[in-house]
Protein backbone atom coordinates (compact mmCIF):
# COMPACT_ATOMS: atom_id res chain seq x y z
CA MET A 1 -46.69 -72.98 -63.48
CA ALA A 2 -48.71 -72.42 -66.65
CA ILE A 3 -51.75 -74.63 -67.17
CA LYS A 4 -51.39 -76.91 -70.17
CA ALA A 5 -53.98 -78.78 -72.22
CA THR A 6 -53.21 -82.52 -72.33
CA GLY A 7 -55.40 -85.41 -73.32
CA ARG A 8 -54.52 -87.33 -70.17
CA ASP A 9 -56.20 -84.63 -68.08
CA LEU A 10 -59.26 -84.22 -70.33
CA VAL A 11 -62.61 -84.63 -68.59
CA ALA A 12 -65.80 -85.15 -70.61
CA ALA A 13 -69.34 -85.00 -69.30
CA VAL A 14 -72.84 -85.47 -70.73
CA LYS A 15 -76.14 -84.26 -69.25
CA ILE A 16 -79.70 -84.56 -70.59
CA GLY A 17 -80.96 -81.34 -72.17
CA ALA A 18 -84.39 -79.68 -72.19
CA VAL A 19 -84.32 -77.04 -74.96
CA TRP A 20 -82.40 -77.49 -78.20
CA GLY A 21 -79.56 -75.00 -78.35
CA THR A 22 -79.62 -74.26 -74.64
CA PRO A 23 -76.78 -75.85 -72.61
CA VAL A 24 -77.14 -77.34 -69.14
CA ALA A 25 -74.41 -77.45 -66.52
CA CYS A 26 -72.70 -80.81 -66.04
CA GLY A 27 -71.87 -81.94 -62.53
CA ALA A 28 -71.76 -84.90 -60.17
CA GLY A 29 -72.36 -88.23 -61.89
CA ASP A 30 -72.26 -86.76 -65.42
CA GLY A 31 -68.66 -87.72 -66.20
CA LEU A 32 -68.02 -89.85 -69.28
CA LEU A 33 -64.78 -91.77 -69.73
CA ILE A 34 -63.84 -91.60 -73.41
CA LEU A 35 -61.03 -92.21 -75.86
CA PRO A 36 -59.90 -89.44 -78.27
CA HIS A 37 -63.06 -88.17 -79.96
CA SER A 38 -63.69 -86.56 -83.35
CA VAL A 39 -66.62 -84.24 -82.61
CA LYS A 40 -65.62 -81.07 -84.40
CA LYS A 41 -67.02 -77.72 -85.44
CA ALA A 42 -66.55 -76.75 -89.08
CA ARG A 43 -67.23 -73.44 -90.80
CA GLU A 44 -66.06 -72.43 -94.26
CA ASN A 45 -65.46 -68.91 -95.49
CA ASN A 46 -67.28 -67.38 -98.46
CA LEU A 47 -64.49 -65.60 -100.34
CA ASP A 48 -65.32 -62.65 -102.55
CA ASP A 49 -64.49 -63.90 -106.05
CA SER A 50 -65.94 -60.96 -107.97
CA LEU A 51 -64.55 -60.34 -111.42
CA GLY A 52 -62.22 -57.39 -111.51
CA LEU A 53 -60.58 -58.26 -108.17
CA SER A 54 -57.01 -59.53 -108.26
CA HIS A 55 -57.55 -61.14 -104.88
CA SER A 56 -60.30 -61.53 -102.33
CA LYS A 57 -60.60 -58.94 -99.60
CA LEU A 58 -63.64 -60.50 -97.93
CA ALA A 59 -64.08 -63.85 -96.15
CA ASP A 60 -67.62 -63.99 -94.80
CA PRO A 61 -68.33 -67.01 -92.59
CA ASP A 62 -70.72 -69.72 -93.80
CA VAL A 63 -73.02 -71.87 -91.64
CA ILE A 64 -71.75 -74.11 -88.84
CA THR A 65 -71.68 -77.90 -88.91
CA CYS A 66 -70.70 -79.87 -85.83
CA GLU A 67 -70.59 -83.65 -85.70
CA GLY A 68 -68.33 -86.63 -85.11
CA ALA A 69 -67.89 -89.77 -83.04
CA ILE A 70 -67.24 -90.44 -79.35
CA PRO A 71 -65.38 -93.72 -78.69
CA GLY A 72 -64.51 -95.46 -75.45
CA TRP A 73 -64.61 -98.67 -73.43
CA VAL A 74 -68.01 -100.07 -72.52
CA ARG A 75 -68.64 -100.19 -68.78
CA TYR A 76 -71.55 -101.74 -66.94
CA GLU A 77 -72.26 -98.34 -65.45
CA GLY A 78 -72.00 -94.84 -66.89
CA LEU A 79 -73.36 -95.32 -70.43
CA ASP A 80 -77.06 -95.44 -69.55
CA LEU A 81 -77.82 -91.93 -70.83
CA LEU A 82 -76.10 -92.40 -74.19
CA ILE A 83 -77.82 -95.77 -74.68
CA ALA A 84 -81.18 -94.17 -73.87
CA LEU A 85 -80.48 -91.34 -76.33
CA ILE A 86 -79.92 -93.76 -79.23
CA MET A 87 -82.70 -96.21 -78.28
CA GLY A 88 -85.34 -93.55 -77.60
CA ALA A 89 -87.03 -94.77 -74.40
CA THR A 90 -86.44 -96.36 -71.01
CA GLY A 91 -88.73 -98.47 -68.88
CA GLY A 92 -89.05 -95.63 -66.37
CA ALA A 93 -87.36 -95.74 -62.99
CA PRO A 94 -84.99 -98.71 -62.65
CA ALA A 95 -86.43 -101.68 -60.73
CA GLN A 96 -84.66 -102.62 -57.52
CA ILE A 97 -83.75 -106.31 -57.36
CA GLY A 98 -84.51 -108.09 -54.12
CA GLY A 99 -83.93 -105.12 -51.86
CA THR A 100 -80.26 -104.97 -52.87
CA ALA A 101 -78.08 -102.27 -54.44
CA ALA A 102 -78.74 -103.82 -57.87
CA TYR A 103 -81.26 -102.16 -60.21
CA SER A 104 -82.56 -103.27 -63.60
CA GLN A 105 -83.26 -100.80 -66.43
CA THR A 106 -84.64 -101.45 -69.90
CA PHE A 107 -84.04 -99.45 -73.09
CA THR A 108 -86.51 -99.79 -75.95
CA PHE A 109 -86.97 -98.38 -79.44
CA ALA A 110 -88.86 -95.11 -79.83
CA THR A 111 -88.61 -91.83 -81.71
CA LEU A 112 -85.60 -89.65 -80.92
CA GLU A 113 -87.70 -86.48 -81.00
CA ASP A 114 -86.84 -84.10 -78.13
CA LEU A 115 -83.98 -86.33 -76.97
CA TYR A 116 -80.55 -84.68 -76.75
CA ALA A 117 -77.89 -83.71 -74.24
CA THR A 118 -75.13 -81.22 -73.55
CA LEU A 119 -71.58 -82.45 -74.08
CA ALA A 120 -68.82 -80.58 -72.25
CA VAL A 121 -65.11 -81.32 -72.55
CA ASN A 122 -62.73 -79.72 -70.05
CA LEU A 123 -59.25 -79.11 -71.52
CA ASN A 124 -58.07 -77.25 -68.39
CA VAL A 125 -57.22 -74.12 -70.37
CA MET A 126 -60.80 -73.93 -71.64
CA VAL A 127 -64.02 -75.92 -71.92
CA GLU A 128 -65.40 -76.98 -75.27
CA GLU A 129 -69.16 -76.98 -74.82
CA PHE A 130 -71.55 -78.56 -77.32
CA PRO A 131 -74.85 -77.06 -76.13
CA SER A 132 -77.08 -79.69 -77.77
CA MET A 133 -75.97 -83.11 -78.99
CA LYS A 134 -78.21 -85.72 -80.61
CA VAL A 135 -76.98 -89.30 -80.67
CA VAL A 136 -77.70 -90.86 -84.07
CA GLY A 137 -75.48 -93.94 -84.11
CA MET A 138 -74.00 -96.59 -81.81
CA LYS A 139 -71.43 -99.30 -82.45
CA ILE A 140 -70.64 -101.91 -79.81
CA SER A 141 -67.82 -104.23 -80.79
CA GLY A 142 -65.14 -106.50 -79.46
CA GLU A 143 -62.85 -109.43 -80.06
CA VAL A 144 -61.59 -112.33 -78.02
CA GLY A 145 -59.32 -111.31 -75.14
CA LYS A 146 -60.18 -107.60 -75.33
CA PRO A 147 -62.52 -105.17 -73.55
CA ILE A 148 -65.68 -104.17 -75.42
CA GLU A 149 -65.62 -100.82 -77.25
CA PHE A 150 -68.31 -98.26 -77.98
CA GLU A 151 -68.59 -95.52 -80.57
CA PHE A 152 -71.49 -93.06 -80.52
CA THR A 153 -72.08 -90.90 -83.59
CA VAL A 154 -73.49 -87.46 -82.77
CA ILE A 155 -74.81 -84.29 -84.40
CA CYS A 156 -74.42 -81.06 -82.42
CA ASP A 157 -75.70 -77.54 -82.92
CA ASP A 158 -72.40 -75.79 -82.18
CA MET A 159 -69.17 -75.84 -80.21
CA VAL A 160 -68.78 -72.94 -77.81
CA GLU A 161 -65.51 -71.91 -76.19
CA GLY A 162 -65.97 -69.58 -73.25
CA SER A 163 -69.50 -70.58 -72.25
CA ALA A 164 -70.88 -69.20 -69.01
CA THR A 165 -72.69 -72.50 -68.34
CA ASN A 166 -69.89 -75.05 -68.40
CA THR A 167 -66.63 -73.48 -67.27
CA THR A 168 -63.36 -74.80 -65.89
CA ALA A 169 -64.76 -73.96 -62.44
CA THR A 170 -68.08 -75.76 -62.87
CA MET A 171 -66.41 -78.76 -64.54
CA ALA A 172 -64.49 -79.29 -61.29
CA ASN A 173 -67.83 -80.59 -59.95
CA VAL A 174 -67.98 -83.39 -62.53
CA THR A 175 -67.61 -86.91 -61.12
CA PHE A 176 -67.79 -90.38 -62.65
CA VAL A 177 -70.35 -92.95 -61.55
CA ASP A 178 -67.77 -95.72 -62.01
CA THR A 179 -64.20 -95.85 -63.28
CA GLY A 180 -63.97 -99.66 -63.20
CA ASN A 181 -66.13 -102.56 -64.33
CA ARG A 182 -65.28 -102.59 -68.00
CA VAL A 183 -67.23 -105.10 -70.08
CA LEU A 184 -64.91 -107.84 -71.32
CA PHE A 185 -65.35 -110.10 -74.34
CA ARG A 186 -64.80 -113.19 -72.21
CA GLN A 187 -67.80 -112.19 -70.06
CA GLY A 188 -70.18 -112.54 -73.01
CA VAL A 189 -72.50 -115.37 -73.98
CA TRP A 190 -73.96 -115.38 -77.52
CA ARG A 191 -77.05 -117.47 -78.35
CA LEU A 192 -78.80 -118.06 -81.69
CA ASN A 193 -81.60 -120.25 -83.00
CA LEU A 194 -84.37 -120.14 -85.56
CA ALA A 195 -87.00 -117.48 -84.82
CA SER A 196 -89.64 -120.21 -85.10
CA ALA A 197 -87.85 -122.54 -82.68
CA GLY A 198 -88.28 -122.75 -78.91
CA ALA A 199 -86.89 -120.33 -76.37
CA LEU A 200 -83.15 -119.73 -76.45
CA ALA A 201 -81.41 -122.19 -74.13
CA SER A 202 -77.93 -122.79 -72.78
CA PRO A 203 -75.82 -124.61 -73.75
CA ALA A 204 -77.84 -125.85 -76.75
CA ASP A 205 -78.05 -122.49 -78.52
CA VAL A 206 -74.74 -121.00 -77.40
CA VAL A 207 -72.39 -119.96 -80.22
CA THR A 208 -68.78 -118.88 -79.82
CA PRO A 209 -67.67 -116.04 -82.11
CA SER A 210 -64.18 -114.60 -81.86
CA ALA A 211 -65.42 -111.09 -82.70
CA PHE A 212 -68.68 -109.20 -83.06
CA GLU A 213 -70.02 -105.81 -84.04
CA LEU A 214 -73.45 -104.38 -83.27
CA ASP A 215 -74.10 -101.32 -85.46
CA ILE A 216 -77.18 -99.13 -84.91
CA GLN A 217 -77.56 -96.12 -87.18
CA ARG A 218 -80.60 -93.84 -87.03
CA PRO A 219 -80.14 -91.32 -89.87
CA HIS A 220 -81.10 -87.79 -88.80
CA ALA A 221 -80.38 -84.34 -90.16
CA GLY A 222 -80.87 -80.80 -88.90
CA GLN A 223 -81.65 -77.80 -91.06
CA HIS A 224 -79.92 -74.44 -91.19
CA GLY A 225 -82.30 -71.51 -91.17
CA ALA A 226 -85.13 -73.47 -89.55
CA GLY A 227 -84.31 -72.59 -85.96
CA THR A 228 -83.93 -69.36 -84.05
CA THR A 229 -80.28 -69.05 -85.12
CA GLN A 230 -79.68 -69.40 -88.86
CA ASP A 231 -76.02 -70.38 -88.65
CA VAL A 232 -76.62 -73.60 -86.68
CA VAL A 233 -78.93 -76.55 -87.32
CA ASP A 234 -82.25 -77.00 -85.58
CA GLU A 235 -82.93 -80.28 -83.77
CA PRO A 236 -82.20 -83.07 -86.26
CA SER A 237 -85.17 -85.14 -87.40
CA ALA A 238 -85.35 -88.65 -88.84
CA GLU A 239 -84.53 -89.10 -92.54
CA GLU A 240 -84.72 -92.88 -93.04
CA VAL A 241 -85.60 -96.06 -91.20
CA PRO A 242 -82.88 -97.25 -88.79
CA GLN A 243 -80.03 -99.22 -90.34
CA MET A 244 -79.03 -101.97 -87.93
CA THR A 245 -76.69 -104.92 -88.32
CA LEU A 246 -75.07 -107.61 -86.19
CA LYS A 247 -71.85 -109.18 -87.42
CA LEU A 248 -70.42 -112.35 -85.91
CA THR A 249 -67.02 -113.74 -86.82
CA PHE A 250 -66.41 -117.41 -86.10
CA PRO A 251 -62.72 -118.40 -86.04
CA ARG A 252 -63.30 -121.70 -87.89
CA LEU A 253 -65.72 -122.71 -90.63
CA ASP A 254 -67.18 -125.86 -89.07
CA ASP A 255 -70.10 -126.53 -91.43
CA ASN A 256 -72.46 -124.94 -93.94
CA THR A 257 -75.26 -124.17 -91.46
CA HIS A 258 -75.31 -120.42 -92.03
CA PHE A 259 -75.00 -120.74 -95.82
CA VAL A 260 -78.00 -123.09 -95.93
CA ALA A 261 -80.06 -120.79 -93.66
CA TRP A 262 -79.09 -117.77 -95.77
CA ASP A 263 -80.19 -119.51 -98.97
CA ALA A 264 -83.48 -120.49 -97.34
CA GLY A 265 -84.19 -116.91 -96.22
CA ALA A 266 -84.44 -118.09 -92.61
CA PHE A 267 -84.97 -115.69 -89.72
CA TYR A 268 -83.08 -116.24 -86.50
CA LYS A 269 -83.46 -114.79 -83.03
CA GLY A 270 -80.64 -114.20 -80.59
CA ASP A 271 -79.29 -112.54 -77.50
CA ILE A 272 -75.96 -111.45 -76.08
CA THR A 273 -75.43 -111.35 -72.32
CA PHE A 274 -72.40 -109.85 -70.60
CA THR A 275 -72.08 -110.60 -66.88
CA GLY A 276 -69.62 -108.76 -64.66
CA ALA A 277 -68.69 -108.55 -60.99
CA THR A 278 -71.13 -109.04 -58.13
CA ILE A 279 -73.08 -105.98 -57.00
CA GLU A 280 -74.70 -107.52 -53.92
CA GLY A 281 -75.84 -111.01 -52.98
CA ALA A 282 -76.47 -113.10 -56.09
CA ASN A 283 -76.89 -110.04 -58.32
CA ASP A 284 -74.15 -109.23 -60.83
CA TYR A 285 -73.56 -106.37 -63.23
CA GLN A 286 -75.17 -107.31 -66.53
CA LEU A 287 -75.74 -105.99 -70.02
CA LEU A 288 -78.24 -107.85 -72.22
CA PHE A 289 -79.06 -107.35 -75.91
CA GLU A 290 -82.14 -109.12 -77.33
CA PHE A 291 -82.85 -109.55 -81.06
CA PRO A 292 -86.26 -111.09 -81.93
CA ALA A 293 -85.65 -111.17 -85.70
CA LEU A 294 -82.30 -111.49 -87.46
CA ALA A 295 -82.32 -111.69 -91.27
CA TYR A 296 -79.22 -112.91 -93.05
CA GLN A 297 -77.57 -110.13 -95.05
CA ASP A 298 -74.35 -111.95 -95.94
CA VAL A 299 -72.38 -115.09 -95.13
CA ASP A 300 -68.72 -115.42 -96.05
CA ASP A 301 -65.76 -117.75 -95.64
CA PRO A 302 -62.70 -115.60 -96.38
CA LYS A 303 -60.00 -117.78 -97.90
CA ASP A 304 -56.60 -117.89 -96.25
CA GLN A 305 -53.53 -120.10 -96.08
CA GLY A 306 -54.54 -121.32 -92.65
CA PRO A 307 -57.87 -121.88 -90.86
CA ILE A 308 -60.87 -120.50 -92.76
CA SER A 309 -63.21 -118.33 -90.71
CA ASN A 310 -66.96 -117.85 -91.07
CA ASP A 311 -68.33 -114.29 -91.15
CA VAL A 312 -72.08 -113.87 -90.64
CA MET A 313 -73.88 -110.55 -91.10
CA PHE A 314 -77.48 -110.09 -90.01
CA ASP A 315 -79.90 -107.24 -90.60
CA ILE A 316 -81.66 -106.49 -87.31
CA VAL A 317 -85.38 -106.06 -87.91
CA GLY A 318 -88.58 -106.10 -85.89
CA ALA A 319 -90.77 -109.17 -85.42
CA LEU A 320 -94.44 -109.40 -86.37
CA VAL A 321 -95.01 -111.34 -83.15
CA ALA A 322 -92.70 -111.92 -80.23
CA PRO A 323 -90.83 -115.21 -80.66
CA THR A 324 -91.04 -117.91 -78.03
CA GLY A 325 -89.10 -116.93 -74.92
CA MET A 326 -88.99 -113.21 -75.73
CA ALA A 327 -91.41 -110.41 -74.94
CA VAL A 328 -89.89 -108.27 -77.69
CA THR A 329 -91.14 -107.26 -81.15
CA ASP A 330 -88.98 -104.16 -81.63
CA PRO A 331 -85.67 -104.82 -83.43
CA LEU A 332 -83.66 -104.52 -80.24
CA LYS A 333 -84.14 -104.35 -76.50
CA ILE A 334 -81.30 -103.59 -74.09
CA THR A 335 -81.39 -104.35 -70.38
CA SER A 336 -78.75 -103.26 -67.89
CA ILE A 337 -78.24 -104.26 -64.28
CA ASN A 338 -76.11 -101.85 -62.27
CA THR A 339 -76.52 -99.50 -59.30
CA ARG A 340 -78.29 -96.64 -61.09
CA THR A 341 -81.50 -95.83 -59.17
CA THR A 342 -83.02 -93.08 -61.36
CA ASP A 343 -84.36 -92.85 -64.91
CA VAL A 344 -81.70 -91.13 -67.04
CA LEU A 345 -84.39 -89.52 -69.20
CA ALA A 346 -86.45 -88.16 -66.31
């Protein structure tokens, strides 16, 4: 029977890289469960349009661009590397909790210099290998009743078909750390209060949105002709400050609290905690996002025939000093609790 390429059989994997443009072989534990992605290689032709020719006889290839987005469902385990690649740093080796199988890892803001990975996608009939991939954007979003989604924006140097590093044979070694434990909207707790107020507390500071979107964009660009191969980009470097927002949608407009705070130029602080199944003992899977300084960007109450909602958009910025109850001044800190025992950036 002939081998066929079908999306249902597609296997993707990501592994930390060491030299830009040089692929590494993916294997056990490197599997990444994704939805249909848009990472694509593009290369135009330079047609010969010389005067005197009735038609072009030459089509010389231009430089290569390779970028796109990788979507999927957020899981408590298996996204640690991609999160580290967009945040920039980890807290080192994960900390074991109480001698159990649960480990805590932190992800903090730092430069993305020298941080990239190899992406390999096995289509059975061939492997599409992206030797070096830099993560430059992350969206985490969800709505009531649904699983939480991710979308990572990436810039790659190239897409190679027929690589000797990641082949259909080597990709047979790829395994997934976890194929369960999706993060669900109903598992989340959102808290907000004034940055100058006391530590966030439950239930006093708990808010109940029906949808949210966390959007982290770290604009980077690579240059053609700057690396060892002219046709592909060198490692992308930062172009602008990060652009980060948090949007909360509340199903009913209950009062004018957010409008008043917006007009006053108030800063808030907040956190989002997702708690999943038990790992061992009293320790559960967890994913925590901490925001020490949230500045109102926009507040809206879209008019409709029925209930009027309240949309709140914050710019995520850093704090001059850590607010009460948080040991964070960077715009965002992420903490995960799962069973990963090693530093994904080591």
